Every structure is written in structure tokens, then in C-alpha cells.
Amino acid sequence: MLTSINHIGIAVKDLEASKARYSLLFGVEKFHEETVETQKVQIASFSLNGILIELTAAISDDSPIANFINKRGEGIHHIAFTSDSISDDLSKAKENGIKLINEYPVPGAHDMHIAFLHPGSTGGVLMEFCQPQQSNK
């Protein structure tokens, strides 16, 4: 079952410049940073009242984030929802006619398994389900 908003993903061209901007806006002193090779991105995230804001930059020209920025520019990329059973939630979405980008969960940032839903099936919003790897069913 989906339990909460986990994070909001923001596509950025320049991670360092974006970190500086968000530091000024929100007083962020420390970011969690990691590279997610499977998604071809580098992220810098911070918590805002329990919800992660995830700044996401491409590390490859063929990254989904690079494609997004080339088509739409920087901005909100996706909304991620925490799942307590990602496989069940993906099955339920598919049964209800939602097109899946990921049929099965893949490794993501913050030691999560993730899967994306196609925005053509979700009213134009790219959605992500995520679940901590240690609790996957």
C-alpha cells in the first residue's frame, strides 16, 4: 500500500549551482549526495519537514533526466510515493490500466527499490513508487 509522499524530484542542469540556490532558499547546510548509475544521475537531497527534495542531474547525455531537460527544461520531474509493498502496488496499478515504465523494481537512491509509472496514464505526472530495500516483499 502507498503510505506517503517520499520525495519530489527536481531535474537540474548544474547540481552545484542548484545546491547553492536551495541552500539560500531553505537554509540547507548538508545534502545527502549519491550517484545512481542505473538511472544515470547524481542526486543531492535534503529533508523539508519530512519530505525529501531530490535535486537530480544527468551524468550521461542519454540519461532520462538529460532527455527531460532537453524537452522541458529544468523543473519538477516526478513525485515519489513510499510503498510498503512495491510489487503489489505495481501489480494493482497495472491491473487498473496504468502503464508502467518499470515492470519490476530497480535499485534507486537512498537504498530504495523504485519503479516509475508512465505519465500518459497518470494525468501527465511522472510518478515513482519507492520502498526501502530491506523491507521489499
N, C-alpha and C. Protein backbone atom coordinates (compact mmCIF):
# COMPACT_ATOMS: atom_id res chain seq x y z
N MET A 1 0.84 -1.17 0.00
CA MET A 1 0.00 0.00 0.00
C MET A 1 0.90 1.25 0.00
N LEU A 2 0.46 2.25 -0.72
CA LEU A 2 1.17 3.52 -0.72
C LEU A 2 0.84 4.26 0.58
N THR A 3 1.90 4.76 1.23
CA THR A 3 1.70 5.29 2.58
C THR A 3 1.94 6.79 2.72
N SER A 4 2.75 7.39 1.84
CA SER A 4 3.06 8.81 1.99
C SER A 4 3.82 9.31 0.77
N ILE A 5 3.97 10.62 0.71
CA ILE A 5 4.88 11.18 -0.28
C ILE A 5 6.28 10.97 0.26
N ASN A 6 7.16 10.41 -0.57
CA ASN A 6 8.53 10.17 -0.16
C ASN A 6 9.43 11.34 -0.55
N HIS A 7 9.34 11.74 -1.81
CA HIS A 7 10.15 12.87 -2.26
C HIS A 7 9.59 13.49 -3.52
N ILE A 8 10.08 14.69 -3.78
CA ILE A 8 9.78 15.40 -5.02
C ILE A 8 11.09 15.52 -5.77
N GLY A 9 11.12 14.98 -6.98
CA GLY A 9 12.33 15.02 -7.80
C GLY A 9 12.34 16.26 -8.69
N ILE A 10 13.44 16.99 -8.65
CA ILE A 10 13.59 18.20 -9.45
C ILE A 10 14.78 18.01 -10.38
N ALA A 11 14.53 18.11 -11.67
CA ALA A 11 15.59 17.97 -12.67
C ALA A 11 16.38 19.26 -12.76
N VAL A 12 17.71 19.13 -12.66
CA VAL A 12 18.58 20.31 -12.70
C VAL A 12 19.73 20.07 -13.67
N LYS A 13 20.21 21.14 -14.29
CA LYS A 13 21.37 21.03 -15.19
C LYS A 13 22.67 21.00 -14.41
N ASP A 14 22.78 21.88 -13.44
CA ASP A 14 24.02 22.06 -12.70
C ASP A 14 23.75 21.79 -11.22
N LEU A 15 24.21 20.65 -10.74
CA LEU A 15 23.92 20.24 -9.37
C LEU A 15 24.52 21.20 -8.35
N GLU A 16 25.75 21.64 -8.57
CA GLU A 16 26.39 22.54 -7.60
C GLU A 16 25.67 23.88 -7.52
N ALA A 17 25.30 24.45 -8.65
CA ALA A 17 24.57 25.72 -8.65
C ALA A 17 23.21 25.56 -7.99
N SER A 18 22.56 24.42 -8.23
CA SER A 18 21.25 24.17 -7.63
C SER A 18 21.36 23.98 -6.13
N LYS A 19 22.40 23.30 -5.68
CA LYS A 19 22.62 23.15 -4.24
C LYS A 19 22.79 24.52 -3.59
N ALA A 20 23.55 25.40 -4.23
CA ALA A 20 23.76 26.74 -3.69
C ALA A 20 22.43 27.50 -3.60
N ARG A 21 21.62 27.38 -4.64
CA ARG A 21 20.31 28.07 -4.66
C ARG A 21 19.42 27.56 -3.55
N TYR A 22 19.32 26.23 -3.40
CA TYR A 22 18.43 25.66 -2.38
C TYR A 22 18.98 25.89 -0.97
N SER A 23 20.29 25.99 -0.84
CA SER A 23 20.88 26.35 0.46
C SER A 23 20.41 27.73 0.89
N LEU A 24 20.41 28.66 -0.06
CA LEU A 24 19.95 30.01 0.24
C LEU A 24 18.45 30.06 0.53
N LEU A 25 17.68 29.36 -0.29
CA LEU A 25 16.23 29.39 -0.14
C LEU A 25 15.75 28.75 1.17
N PHE A 26 16.33 27.61 1.53
CA PHE A 26 15.81 26.83 2.64
C PHE A 26 16.79 26.68 3.80
N GLY A 27 17.94 27.32 3.71
CA GLY A 27 18.92 27.22 4.78
C GLY A 27 19.53 25.83 4.92
N VAL A 28 19.61 25.10 3.81
CA VAL A 28 20.17 23.75 3.85
C VAL A 28 21.66 23.84 4.13
N GLU A 29 22.09 23.10 5.13
CA GLU A 29 23.51 23.07 5.47
C GLU A 29 24.21 21.82 4.97
N LYS A 30 23.46 20.75 4.83
CA LYS A 30 24.06 19.50 4.38
C LYS A 30 23.09 18.75 3.47
N PHE A 31 23.63 18.27 2.37
CA PHE A 31 22.87 17.47 1.42
C PHE A 31 23.33 16.02 1.49
N HIS A 32 22.39 15.10 1.28
CA HIS A 32 22.76 13.71 1.03
C HIS A 32 23.07 13.64 -0.45
N GLU A 33 24.24 13.12 -0.80
CA GLU A 33 24.61 13.03 -2.21
C GLU A 33 24.97 11.60 -2.58
N GLU A 34 24.54 11.20 -3.76
CA GLU A 34 24.92 9.89 -4.29
C GLU A 34 24.70 9.85 -5.79
N THR A 35 25.38 8.90 -6.40
CA THR A 35 25.22 8.64 -7.83
C THR A 35 24.42 7.36 -7.97
N VAL A 36 23.42 7.39 -8.85
CA VAL A 36 22.61 6.20 -9.13
C VAL A 36 22.92 5.82 -10.57
N GLU A 37 23.87 4.90 -10.71
CA GLU A 37 24.36 4.50 -12.04
C GLU A 37 23.24 3.95 -12.91
N THR A 38 22.31 3.18 -12.32
CA THR A 38 21.24 2.57 -13.12
C THR A 38 20.33 3.61 -13.75
N GLN A 39 20.22 4.79 -13.13
CA GLN A 39 19.39 5.87 -13.67
C GLN A 39 20.23 6.94 -14.37
N LYS A 40 21.56 6.79 -14.31
CA LYS A 40 22.50 7.72 -14.94
C LYS A 40 22.32 9.15 -14.40
N VAL A 41 22.23 9.22 -13.05
CA VAL A 41 22.04 10.51 -12.40
C VAL A 41 22.90 10.64 -11.15
N GLN A 42 23.10 11.88 -10.77
CA GLN A 42 23.69 12.21 -9.48
C GLN A 42 22.64 13.04 -8.76
N ILE A 43 22.44 12.74 -7.48
CA ILE A 43 21.43 13.46 -6.72
C ILE A 43 22.05 14.16 -5.52
N ALA A 44 21.37 15.21 -5.11
CA ALA A 44 21.65 15.89 -3.85
C ALA A 44 20.27 16.13 -3.24
N SER A 45 20.04 15.59 -2.05
CA SER A 45 18.71 15.72 -1.46
C SER A 45 18.80 16.27 -0.05
N PHE A 46 17.68 16.81 0.38
CA PHE A 46 17.56 17.32 1.74
C PHE A 46 16.11 17.17 2.17
N SER A 47 15.90 17.12 3.46
CA SER A 47 14.56 16.95 4.01
C SER A 47 13.95 18.31 4.32
N LEU A 48 12.70 18.45 3.95
CA LEU A 48 11.93 19.64 4.27
C LEU A 48 10.68 19.17 5.00
N ASN A 49 10.74 19.24 6.32
CA ASN A 49 9.63 18.80 7.15
C ASN A 49 9.21 17.35 6.85
N GLY A 50 10.21 16.49 6.69
CA GLY A 50 9.95 15.06 6.50
C GLY A 50 9.79 14.61 5.06
N ILE A 51 9.75 15.53 4.12
CA ILE A 51 9.66 15.16 2.70
C ILE A 51 10.98 15.52 2.05
N LEU A 52 11.55 14.56 1.33
CA LEU A 52 12.81 14.82 0.65
C LEU A 52 12.58 15.65 -0.60
N ILE A 53 13.47 16.59 -0.81
CA ILE A 53 13.56 17.31 -2.07
C ILE A 53 14.82 16.76 -2.72
N GLU A 54 14.67 16.18 -3.91
CA GLU A 54 15.76 15.48 -4.57
C GLU A 54 16.16 16.23 -5.84
N LEU A 55 17.29 16.91 -5.78
CA LEU A 55 17.84 17.59 -6.96
C LEU A 55 18.55 16.52 -7.77
N THR A 56 18.21 16.42 -9.04
CA THR A 56 18.69 15.32 -9.86
C THR A 56 19.33 15.85 -11.14
N ALA A 57 20.60 15.48 -11.35
CA ALA A 57 21.32 15.93 -12.54
C ALA A 57 21.81 14.72 -13.33
N ALA A 58 21.81 14.84 -14.63
CA ALA A 58 22.27 13.76 -15.50
C ALA A 58 23.79 13.62 -15.41
N ILE A 59 24.26 12.37 -15.49
CA ILE A 59 25.70 12.13 -15.60
C ILE A 59 26.05 11.56 -16.97
N SER A 60 25.03 11.49 -17.83
CA SER A 60 25.21 10.96 -19.17
C SER A 60 24.21 11.65 -20.09
N ASP A 61 24.60 11.86 -21.34
CA ASP A 61 23.70 12.50 -22.31
C ASP A 61 22.46 11.67 -22.60
N ASP A 62 22.50 10.36 -22.32
CA ASP A 62 21.34 9.51 -22.58
C ASP A 62 20.55 9.21 -21.31
N SER A 63 20.79 9.96 -20.27
CA SER A 63 20.05 9.83 -19.02
C SER A 63 18.61 10.30 -19.21
N PRO A 64 17.65 9.67 -18.54
CA PRO A 64 16.27 10.17 -18.59
C PRO A 64 16.17 11.64 -18.15
N ILE A 65 17.00 12.05 -17.21
CA ILE A 65 16.98 13.45 -16.76
C ILE A 65 17.49 14.37 -17.86
N ALA A 66 18.54 13.96 -18.58
CA ALA A 66 19.04 14.77 -19.70
C ALA A 66 17.95 14.92 -20.76
N ASN A 67 17.25 13.82 -21.06
CA ASN A 67 16.17 13.87 -22.05
C ASN A 67 15.05 14.81 -21.58
N PHE A 68 14.70 14.71 -20.31
CA PHE A 68 13.65 15.57 -19.74
C PHE A 68 14.03 17.04 -19.87
N ILE A 69 15.25 17.38 -19.46
CA ILE A 69 15.70 18.78 -19.50
C ILE A 69 15.76 19.28 -20.94
N ASN A 70 16.21 18.45 -21.86
CA ASN A 70 16.26 18.85 -23.27
C ASN A 70 14.87 19.15 -23.83
N LYS A 71 13.86 18.41 -23.38
CA LYS A 71 12.49 18.61 -23.88
C LYS A 71 11.74 19.70 -23.12
N ARG A 72 11.92 19.75 -21.80
CA ARG A 72 11.06 20.60 -20.97
C ARG A 72 11.80 21.63 -20.13
N GLY A 73 13.11 21.51 -20.06
CA GLY A 73 13.87 22.41 -19.19
C GLY A 73 13.89 21.91 -17.75
N GLU A 74 14.56 22.65 -16.92
CA GLU A 74 14.65 22.27 -15.51
C GLU A 74 13.29 22.42 -14.84
N GLY A 75 13.09 21.66 -13.77
CA GLY A 75 11.85 21.79 -13.01
C GLY A 75 11.44 20.48 -12.37
N ILE A 76 10.23 20.48 -11.85
CA ILE A 76 9.72 19.27 -11.19
C ILE A 76 9.69 18.13 -12.21
N HIS A 77 10.32 17.04 -11.83
CA HIS A 77 10.42 15.86 -12.70
C HIS A 77 9.42 14.79 -12.30
N HIS A 78 9.32 14.51 -10.99
CA HIS A 78 8.42 13.46 -10.54
C HIS A 78 8.05 13.63 -9.08
N ILE A 79 6.99 12.94 -8.70
CA ILE A 79 6.60 12.81 -7.30
C ILE A 79 6.70 11.35 -6.95
N ALA A 80 7.37 11.07 -5.83
CA ALA A 80 7.58 9.68 -5.40
C ALA A 80 6.75 9.38 -4.16
N PHE A 81 6.20 8.19 -4.14
CA PHE A 81 5.36 7.74 -3.04
C PHE A 81 5.99 6.52 -2.38
N THR A 82 5.99 6.50 -1.07
CA THR A 82 6.51 5.37 -0.32
C THR A 82 5.50 4.23 -0.38
N SER A 83 6.03 3.05 -0.62
CA SER A 83 5.20 1.84 -0.69
C SER A 83 5.69 0.85 0.37
N ASP A 84 4.75 0.14 0.97
CA ASP A 84 5.16 -0.93 1.89
C ASP A 84 5.20 -2.28 1.18
N SER A 85 4.79 -2.30 -0.10
CA SER A 85 4.89 -3.50 -0.93
C SER A 85 4.88 -3.08 -2.40
N ILE A 86 6.04 -2.70 -2.89
CA ILE A 86 6.13 -2.13 -4.23
C ILE A 86 5.63 -3.09 -5.32
N SER A 87 5.93 -4.36 -5.17
CA SER A 87 5.46 -5.32 -6.18
C SER A 87 3.94 -5.38 -6.22
N ASP A 88 3.30 -5.38 -5.06
CA ASP A 88 1.84 -5.38 -5.01
C ASP A 88 1.26 -4.09 -5.60
N ASP A 89 1.89 -2.96 -5.27
CA ASP A 89 1.39 -1.69 -5.79
C ASP A 89 1.56 -1.58 -7.31
N LEU A 90 2.65 -2.12 -7.85
CA LEU A 90 2.83 -2.14 -9.30
C LEU A 90 1.78 -3.04 -9.96
N SER A 91 1.53 -4.19 -9.37
CA SER A 91 0.51 -5.11 -9.91
C SER A 91 -0.86 -4.45 -9.92
N LYS A 92 -1.20 -3.80 -8.82
CA LYS A 92 -2.51 -3.14 -8.72
C LYS A 92 -2.62 -2.02 -9.75
N ALA A 93 -1.57 -1.23 -9.91
CA ALA A 93 -1.59 -0.15 -10.91
C ALA A 93 -1.81 -0.73 -12.31
N LYS A 94 -1.06 -1.78 -12.63
CA LYS A 94 -1.17 -2.41 -13.95
C LYS A 94 -2.57 -2.98 -14.17
N GLU A 95 -3.12 -3.64 -13.16
CA GLU A 95 -4.47 -4.19 -13.25
C GLU A 95 -5.51 -3.11 -13.50
N ASN A 96 -5.22 -1.89 -13.05
CA ASN A 96 -6.14 -0.78 -13.21
C ASN A 96 -5.83 0.07 -14.45
N GLY A 97 -5.03 -0.48 -15.36
CA GLY A 97 -4.80 0.17 -16.64
C GLY A 97 -3.70 1.21 -16.67
N ILE A 98 -2.89 1.27 -15.63
CA ILE A 98 -1.78 2.23 -15.59
C ILE A 98 -0.59 1.61 -16.33
N LYS A 99 -0.03 2.36 -17.26
CA LYS A 99 1.15 1.91 -17.99
C LYS A 99 2.38 2.08 -17.10
N LEU A 100 3.17 1.04 -16.99
CA LEU A 100 4.36 1.07 -16.15
C LEU A 100 5.60 1.32 -17.00
N ILE A 101 6.47 2.17 -16.53
CA ILE A 101 7.79 2.32 -17.16
C ILE A 101 8.67 1.17 -16.69
N ASN A 102 8.58 0.86 -15.41
CA ASN A 102 9.32 -0.27 -14.83
C ASN A 102 8.33 -1.34 -14.41
N GLU A 103 8.39 -2.48 -15.07
CA GLU A 103 7.52 -3.60 -14.70
C GLU A 103 7.93 -4.19 -13.35
N TYR A 104 9.22 -4.05 -13.04
CA TYR A 104 9.76 -4.59 -11.79
C TYR A 104 10.61 -3.51 -11.13
N PRO A 105 10.69 -3.53 -9.81
CA PRO A 105 11.52 -2.53 -9.12
C PRO A 105 12.99 -2.65 -9.49
N VAL A 106 13.65 -1.49 -9.50
CA VAL A 106 15.09 -1.41 -9.78
C VAL A 106 15.74 -0.63 -8.63
N PRO A 107 17.06 -0.77 -8.46
CA PRO A 107 17.74 -0.02 -7.40
C PRO A 107 17.67 1.49 -7.65
N GLY A 108 17.45 2.24 -6.57
CA GLY A 108 17.40 3.68 -6.66
C GLY A 108 18.19 4.32 -5.53
N ALA A 109 18.07 5.61 -5.39
CA ALA A 109 18.78 6.35 -4.34
C ALA A 109 18.22 6.00 -2.96
N HIS A 110 18.97 6.34 -1.95
CA HIS A 110 18.57 6.16 -0.56
C HIS A 110 18.30 4.70 -0.21
N ASP A 111 19.00 3.79 -0.88
CA ASP A 111 18.85 2.35 -0.61
C ASP A 111 17.40 1.89 -0.81
N MET A 112 16.78 2.41 -1.86
CA MET A 112 15.39 2.08 -2.18
C MET A 112 15.32 1.24 -3.46
N HIS A 113 14.26 0.47 -3.54
CA HIS A 113 13.84 -0.10 -4.81
C HIS A 113 12.79 0.86 -5.34
N ILE A 114 12.86 1.14 -6.65
CA ILE A 114 11.97 2.13 -7.25
C ILE A 114 11.34 1.59 -8.53
N ALA A 115 10.24 2.20 -8.93
CA ALA A 115 9.60 1.90 -10.21
C ALA A 115 8.78 3.12 -10.60
N PHE A 116 8.82 3.45 -11.89
CA PHE A 116 8.11 4.62 -12.39
C PHE A 116 6.86 4.20 -13.15
N LEU A 117 5.84 5.06 -13.05
CA LEU A 117 4.59 4.91 -13.79
C LEU A 117 4.61 5.92 -14.93
N HIS A 118 4.11 5.54 -16.08
CA HIS A 118 4.14 6.40 -17.25
C HIS A 118 3.18 7.58 -17.07
N PRO A 119 3.67 8.81 -17.32
CA PRO A 119 2.81 9.98 -17.12
C PRO A 119 1.60 10.02 -18.05
N GLY A 120 1.64 9.29 -19.16
CA GLY A 120 0.49 9.23 -20.04
C GLY A 120 -0.71 8.54 -19.41
N SER A 121 -0.44 7.77 -18.35
CA SER A 121 -1.51 7.06 -17.64
C SER A 121 -1.88 7.71 -16.32
N THR A 122 -1.17 8.76 -15.96
CA THR A 122 -1.37 9.37 -14.64
C THR A 122 -1.65 10.86 -14.73
N GLY A 123 -2.30 11.27 -15.79
CA GLY A 123 -2.67 12.68 -15.92
C GLY A 123 -1.50 13.60 -16.17
N GLY A 124 -0.44 13.08 -16.78
CA GLY A 124 0.71 13.91 -17.12
C GLY A 124 1.75 14.04 -16.02
N VAL A 125 1.59 13.32 -14.92
CA VAL A 125 2.54 13.40 -13.81
C VAL A 125 3.36 12.12 -13.78
N LEU A 126 4.68 12.26 -13.87
CA LEU A 126 5.56 11.10 -13.70
C LEU A 126 5.55 10.74 -12.21
N MET A 127 5.16 9.53 -11.91
CA MET A 127 5.09 9.06 -10.53
C MET A 127 6.06 7.92 -10.32
N GLU A 128 6.58 7.88 -9.11
CA GLU A 128 7.54 6.84 -8.73
C GLU A 128 7.04 6.18 -7.45
N PHE A 129 7.12 4.87 -7.41
CA PHE A 129 6.90 4.13 -6.17
C PHE A 129 8.27 3.78 -5.64
N CYS A 130 8.47 3.87 -4.34
CA CYS A 130 9.75 3.50 -3.76
C CYS A 130 9.54 2.80 -2.41
N GLN A 131 10.45 1.87 -2.14
CA GLN A 131 10.39 1.07 -0.93
C GLN A 131 11.79 0.77 -0.45
N PRO A 132 12.03 0.94 0.84
CA PRO A 132 13.36 0.57 1.36
C PRO A 132 13.68 -0.87 1.00
N GLN A 133 14.92 -1.12 0.55
CA GLN A 133 15.29 -2.45 0.09
C GLN A 133 15.13 -3.52 1.16
N GLN A 134 15.41 -3.21 2.42
CA GLN A 134 15.33 -4.22 3.46
C GLN A 134 13.90 -4.66 3.75
N SER A 135 12.89 -3.93 3.27
CA SER A 135 11.51 -4.32 3.56
C SER A 135 10.75 -4.78 2.32
N ASN A 136 11.47 -5.05 1.21
CA ASN A 136 10.79 -5.47 -0.02
C ASN A 136 10.09 -6.81 0.15
N LYS A 137 8.92 -6.88 -0.48
CA LYS A 137 8.15 -8.12 -0.50
C LYS A 137 8.16 -8.68 -1.89
